[in-house]
């Protein structure tokens, strides 16, 4: 049950509206929640757009910047999305 709704009876479309917007899971293992090779900002924008199809890429990017600021990660003037969660070599992705 979530806010009076039985989640087990909802269809995929109804669940998609709830996931990310109203309910979500935060994995304890950082490798399960952020891919170490992709830019952090890009991953946040992708998640936002997956759960809100009406939001433009620019709006999702602005929201991602806001979310990062709320948790104490400032927007860098020279490309905030350049930060990776880890180096490709550290995650075993580099040749």
N, C-alpha and C. Protein backbone atom coordinates (compact mmCIF):
# COMPACT_ATOMS: atom_id res chain seq x y z
N UNK A 1 0.85 -1.17 0.00
CA UNK A 1 0.00 0.00 0.00
C UNK A 1 0.90 1.24 0.00
N UNK A 2 0.52 2.21 -0.81
CA UNK A 2 1.22 3.49 -0.86
C UNK A 2 0.16 4.57 -1.01
N UNK A 3 0.07 5.45 -0.01
CA UNK A 3 -0.92 6.53 0.00
C UNK A 3 -2.32 6.02 -0.34
N UNK A 4 -2.69 4.91 0.27
CA UNK A 4 -4.03 4.36 0.09
C UNK A 4 -4.24 3.55 -1.17
N UNK A 5 -3.20 3.37 -1.98
CA UNK A 5 -3.30 2.60 -3.23
C UNK A 5 -2.56 1.28 -3.09
N UNK A 6 -3.19 0.21 -3.54
CA UNK A 6 -2.55 -1.10 -3.55
C UNK A 6 -1.69 -1.19 -4.80
N UNK A 7 -0.38 -1.07 -4.64
CA UNK A 7 0.53 -1.06 -5.78
C UNK A 7 0.50 -2.36 -6.57
N UNK A 8 0.15 -3.45 -5.92
CA UNK A 8 0.12 -4.74 -6.61
C UNK A 8 -1.03 -4.84 -7.62
N UNK A 9 -2.00 -3.96 -7.51
CA UNK A 9 -3.14 -4.01 -8.44
C UNK A 9 -3.03 -3.00 -9.58
N UNK A 10 -2.01 -2.14 -9.55
CA UNK A 10 -1.87 -1.10 -10.57
C UNK A 10 -1.22 -1.67 -11.84
N UNK A 11 -1.62 -1.13 -12.97
CA UNK A 11 -1.03 -1.50 -14.24
C UNK A 11 0.32 -0.83 -14.43
N UNK A 12 1.05 -1.25 -15.46
CA UNK A 12 2.39 -0.71 -15.72
C UNK A 12 2.37 0.80 -15.93
N UNK A 13 1.37 1.31 -16.68
CA UNK A 13 1.28 2.75 -16.93
C UNK A 13 1.07 3.54 -15.65
N UNK A 14 0.22 3.03 -14.76
CA UNK A 14 -0.02 3.71 -13.49
C UNK A 14 1.22 3.67 -12.60
N UNK A 15 1.92 2.54 -12.62
CA UNK A 15 3.14 2.42 -11.82
C UNK A 15 4.23 3.36 -12.34
N UNK A 16 4.31 3.51 -13.66
CA UNK A 16 5.33 4.38 -14.26
C UNK A 16 5.13 5.82 -13.79
N UNK A 17 3.87 6.24 -13.62
CA UNK A 17 3.59 7.60 -13.15
C UNK A 17 4.04 7.80 -11.71
N UNK A 18 3.99 6.74 -10.92
CA UNK A 18 4.35 6.82 -9.50
C UNK A 18 5.86 6.72 -9.30
N UNK A 19 6.50 5.80 -10.05
CA UNK A 19 7.94 5.57 -9.89
C UNK A 19 8.73 6.84 -10.21
N UNK A 20 9.62 7.18 -9.33
CA UNK A 20 10.47 8.34 -9.55
C UNK A 20 9.82 9.64 -9.14
N UNK A 21 8.52 9.80 -9.42
CA UNK A 21 7.82 11.05 -9.08
C UNK A 21 7.35 11.04 -7.63
N UNK A 22 6.86 9.87 -7.18
CA UNK A 22 6.31 9.79 -5.83
C UNK A 22 7.02 8.77 -4.94
N UNK A 23 7.63 7.80 -5.56
CA UNK A 23 8.28 6.73 -4.79
C UNK A 23 9.52 6.28 -5.54
N UNK A 24 10.53 5.89 -4.82
CA UNK A 24 11.75 5.43 -5.46
C UNK A 24 12.59 4.63 -4.50
N UNK A 25 13.65 4.05 -5.02
CA UNK A 25 14.55 3.25 -4.20
C UNK A 25 15.95 3.84 -4.33
N UNK A 26 16.59 3.95 -3.21
CA UNK A 26 17.97 4.40 -3.20
C UNK A 26 18.82 3.20 -2.79
N UNK A 27 19.60 2.69 -3.73
CA UNK A 27 20.44 1.53 -3.45
C UNK A 27 21.62 1.93 -2.58
N UNK A 28 22.02 1.07 -1.69
CA UNK A 28 23.15 1.35 -0.82
C UNK A 28 24.48 1.19 -1.55
N UNK A 29 24.51 0.35 -2.57
CA UNK A 29 25.72 0.14 -3.36
C UNK A 29 25.75 1.19 -4.46
N UNK A 30 26.69 2.14 -4.44
CA UNK A 30 26.70 3.21 -5.44
C UNK A 30 26.82 2.70 -6.87
N UNK A 31 27.42 1.53 -7.07
CA UNK A 31 27.53 1.00 -8.43
C UNK A 31 26.19 0.53 -8.96
N UNK A 32 25.21 0.33 -8.06
CA UNK A 32 23.87 -0.09 -8.49
C UNK A 32 22.99 1.09 -8.87
N UNK A 33 23.34 2.29 -8.43
CA UNK A 33 22.49 3.44 -8.69
C UNK A 33 23.07 4.41 -9.71
N UNK A 34 24.38 4.51 -9.79
CA UNK A 34 25.03 5.38 -10.77
C UNK A 34 26.07 4.56 -11.52
N UNK A 35 26.02 4.63 -12.83
CA UNK A 35 27.02 3.92 -13.61
C UNK A 35 28.30 4.73 -13.56
N UNK A 36 29.40 4.12 -13.20
CA UNK A 36 30.64 4.87 -13.01
C UNK A 36 31.23 5.46 -14.29
N UNK A 37 30.81 5.02 -15.45
CA UNK A 37 31.38 5.52 -16.69
C UNK A 37 30.62 6.73 -17.24
N UNK A 38 29.33 6.85 -16.92
CA UNK A 38 28.52 7.94 -17.47
C UNK A 38 28.51 9.15 -16.54
N UNK A 39 28.35 10.31 -17.13
CA UNK A 39 28.34 11.56 -16.39
C UNK A 39 27.14 11.58 -15.43
N UNK A 40 27.37 12.08 -14.23
CA UNK A 40 26.35 12.11 -13.19
C UNK A 40 25.13 12.92 -13.65
N UNK A 41 25.37 14.11 -14.17
CA UNK A 41 24.26 14.96 -14.61
C UNK A 41 23.43 14.30 -15.69
N UNK A 42 24.08 13.64 -16.63
CA UNK A 42 23.38 12.95 -17.71
C UNK A 42 22.46 11.87 -17.14
N UNK A 43 22.96 11.11 -16.15
CA UNK A 43 22.16 10.04 -15.55
C UNK A 43 20.93 10.60 -14.84
N UNK A 44 21.09 11.73 -14.19
CA UNK A 44 19.95 12.35 -13.50
C UNK A 44 18.93 12.85 -14.51
N UNK A 45 19.39 13.50 -15.57
CA UNK A 45 18.49 13.99 -16.63
C UNK A 45 17.73 12.82 -17.25
N UNK A 46 18.42 11.72 -17.52
CA UNK A 46 17.76 10.54 -18.11
C UNK A 46 16.67 10.00 -17.20
N UNK A 47 16.93 9.94 -15.90
CA UNK A 47 15.94 9.45 -14.94
C UNK A 47 14.73 10.38 -14.90
N UNK A 48 14.96 11.67 -14.88
CA UNK A 48 13.87 12.63 -14.84
C UNK A 48 13.00 12.49 -16.09
N UNK A 49 13.62 12.42 -17.24
CA UNK A 49 12.87 12.34 -18.50
C UNK A 49 12.14 11.00 -18.64
N UNK A 50 12.68 9.94 -18.07
CA UNK A 50 12.02 8.64 -18.11
C UNK A 50 10.69 8.67 -17.36
N UNK A 51 10.65 9.46 -16.28
CA UNK A 51 9.46 9.49 -15.44
C UNK A 51 8.54 10.68 -15.71
N UNK A 52 8.97 11.64 -16.50
CA UNK A 52 8.14 12.79 -16.85
C UNK A 52 8.33 13.08 -18.33
N UNK A 53 7.50 12.44 -19.16
CA UNK A 53 7.64 12.54 -20.61
C UNK A 53 7.30 13.93 -21.15
N UNK A 54 6.62 14.76 -20.35
CA UNK A 54 6.27 16.10 -20.79
C UNK A 54 7.41 17.10 -20.58
N UNK A 55 8.43 16.70 -19.84
CA UNK A 55 9.53 17.60 -19.53
C UNK A 55 10.56 17.59 -20.67
N UNK A 56 10.94 18.77 -21.10
CA UNK A 56 11.95 18.88 -22.15
C UNK A 56 13.33 18.56 -21.57
N UNK A 57 14.28 18.35 -22.46
CA UNK A 57 15.65 18.07 -22.01
C UNK A 57 16.21 19.25 -21.23
N UNK A 58 15.92 20.47 -21.69
CA UNK A 58 16.40 21.68 -21.00
C UNK A 58 15.78 21.79 -19.61
N UNK A 59 14.49 21.49 -19.49
CA UNK A 59 13.83 21.53 -18.19
C UNK A 59 14.41 20.47 -17.25
N UNK A 60 14.64 19.27 -17.80
CA UNK A 60 15.21 18.19 -16.99
C UNK A 60 16.62 18.55 -16.53
N UNK A 61 17.38 19.20 -17.41
CA UNK A 61 18.74 19.61 -17.04
C UNK A 61 18.69 20.65 -15.92
N UNK A 62 17.76 21.61 -16.02
CA UNK A 62 17.62 22.62 -14.98
C UNK A 62 17.23 21.98 -13.65
N UNK A 63 16.36 20.98 -13.71
CA UNK A 63 15.94 20.27 -12.49
C UNK A 63 17.11 19.50 -11.90
N UNK A 64 17.92 18.88 -12.76
CA UNK A 64 19.08 18.13 -12.29
C UNK A 64 20.06 19.07 -11.59
N UNK A 65 20.28 20.23 -12.16
CA UNK A 65 21.18 21.22 -11.55
C UNK A 65 20.62 21.61 -10.18
N UNK A 66 19.31 21.82 -10.10
CA UNK A 66 18.68 22.17 -8.84
C UNK A 66 18.85 21.05 -7.80
N UNK A 67 18.64 19.80 -8.22
CA UNK A 67 18.78 18.67 -7.30
C UNK A 67 20.22 18.53 -6.80
N UNK A 68 21.18 18.70 -7.70
CA UNK A 68 22.58 18.62 -7.29
C UNK A 68 22.92 19.74 -6.30
N UNK A 69 22.38 20.93 -6.56
CA UNK A 69 22.62 22.06 -5.65
C UNK A 69 22.02 21.76 -4.26
N UNK A 70 20.83 21.15 -4.23
CA UNK A 70 20.17 20.84 -2.96
C UNK A 70 20.98 19.88 -2.10
N UNK A 71 21.76 19.02 -2.71
CA UNK A 71 22.57 18.08 -1.94
C UNK A 71 24.02 18.55 -1.80
N UNK A 72 24.27 19.80 -2.17
CA UNK A 72 25.57 20.40 -1.94
C UNK A 72 26.59 20.20 -3.05
N UNK A 73 26.13 19.84 -4.24
CA UNK A 73 27.05 19.71 -5.38
C UNK A 73 26.80 20.90 -6.28
N UNK A 74 27.72 21.89 -6.29
CA UNK A 74 27.49 23.11 -7.06
C UNK A 74 27.63 22.90 -8.56
N UNK A 75 26.95 23.72 -9.32
CA UNK A 75 27.07 23.69 -10.77
C UNK A 75 28.39 24.34 -11.13
N UNK A 76 29.17 23.66 -11.92
CA UNK A 76 30.44 24.22 -12.36
C UNK A 76 30.20 25.08 -13.58
N UNK A 77 30.93 26.15 -13.69
CA UNK A 77 30.72 27.05 -14.83
C UNK A 77 31.17 26.42 -16.14
N UNK A 78 32.09 25.48 -16.10
CA UNK A 78 32.59 24.85 -17.33
C UNK A 78 32.10 23.42 -17.45
N UNK A 79 30.79 23.24 -17.52
CA UNK A 79 30.25 21.92 -17.79
C UNK A 79 30.04 21.05 -16.57
N UNK A 80 28.95 21.21 -15.89
CA UNK A 80 28.65 20.46 -14.68
C UNK A 80 28.51 18.97 -14.94
N UNK A 81 28.22 18.57 -16.17
CA UNK A 81 28.01 17.14 -16.44
C UNK A 81 29.30 16.41 -16.76
N UNK A 82 30.44 17.06 -16.62
CA UNK A 82 31.69 16.39 -16.97
C UNK A 82 32.18 15.45 -15.87
N UNK A 83 31.64 15.57 -14.68
CA UNK A 83 32.09 14.73 -13.58
C UNK A 83 31.52 13.33 -13.73
N UNK A 84 32.38 12.35 -13.65
CA UNK A 84 31.96 10.95 -13.66
C UNK A 84 32.01 10.44 -12.23
N UNK A 85 31.25 9.38 -11.97
CA UNK A 85 31.25 8.81 -10.61
C UNK A 85 32.56 8.12 -10.31
N UNK A 86 33.30 7.74 -11.35
CA UNK A 86 34.56 7.06 -11.19
C UNK A 86 35.27 7.11 -12.54
N UNK A 87 36.51 6.79 -12.56
CA UNK A 87 37.20 6.74 -13.85
C UNK A 87 36.87 5.43 -14.55
N UNK A 88 36.90 5.39 -15.88
CA UNK A 88 36.65 4.14 -16.59
C UNK A 88 37.59 3.03 -16.14
N UNK A 89 38.84 3.36 -15.84
CA UNK A 89 39.79 2.34 -15.40
C UNK A 89 39.39 1.76 -14.04
N UNK A 90 38.86 2.62 -13.17
CA UNK A 90 38.48 2.15 -11.83
C UNK A 90 37.30 1.20 -11.87
N UNK A 91 36.43 1.34 -12.87
CA UNK A 91 35.26 0.45 -12.93
C UNK A 91 35.49 -0.72 -13.88
N UNK A 92 36.70 -0.83 -14.41
CA UNK A 92 37.00 -1.95 -15.28
C UNK A 92 36.52 -1.77 -16.70
N UNK A 93 36.14 -0.55 -17.10
CA UNK A 93 35.62 -0.30 -18.43
C UNK A 93 36.69 0.13 -19.41
N UNK A 94 37.84 0.51 -18.90
CA UNK A 94 38.91 0.98 -19.79
C UNK A 94 39.64 -0.21 -20.39
N UNK A 95 40.14 -0.06 -21.61
CA UNK A 95 40.90 -1.16 -22.23
C UNK A 95 42.20 -1.42 -21.51
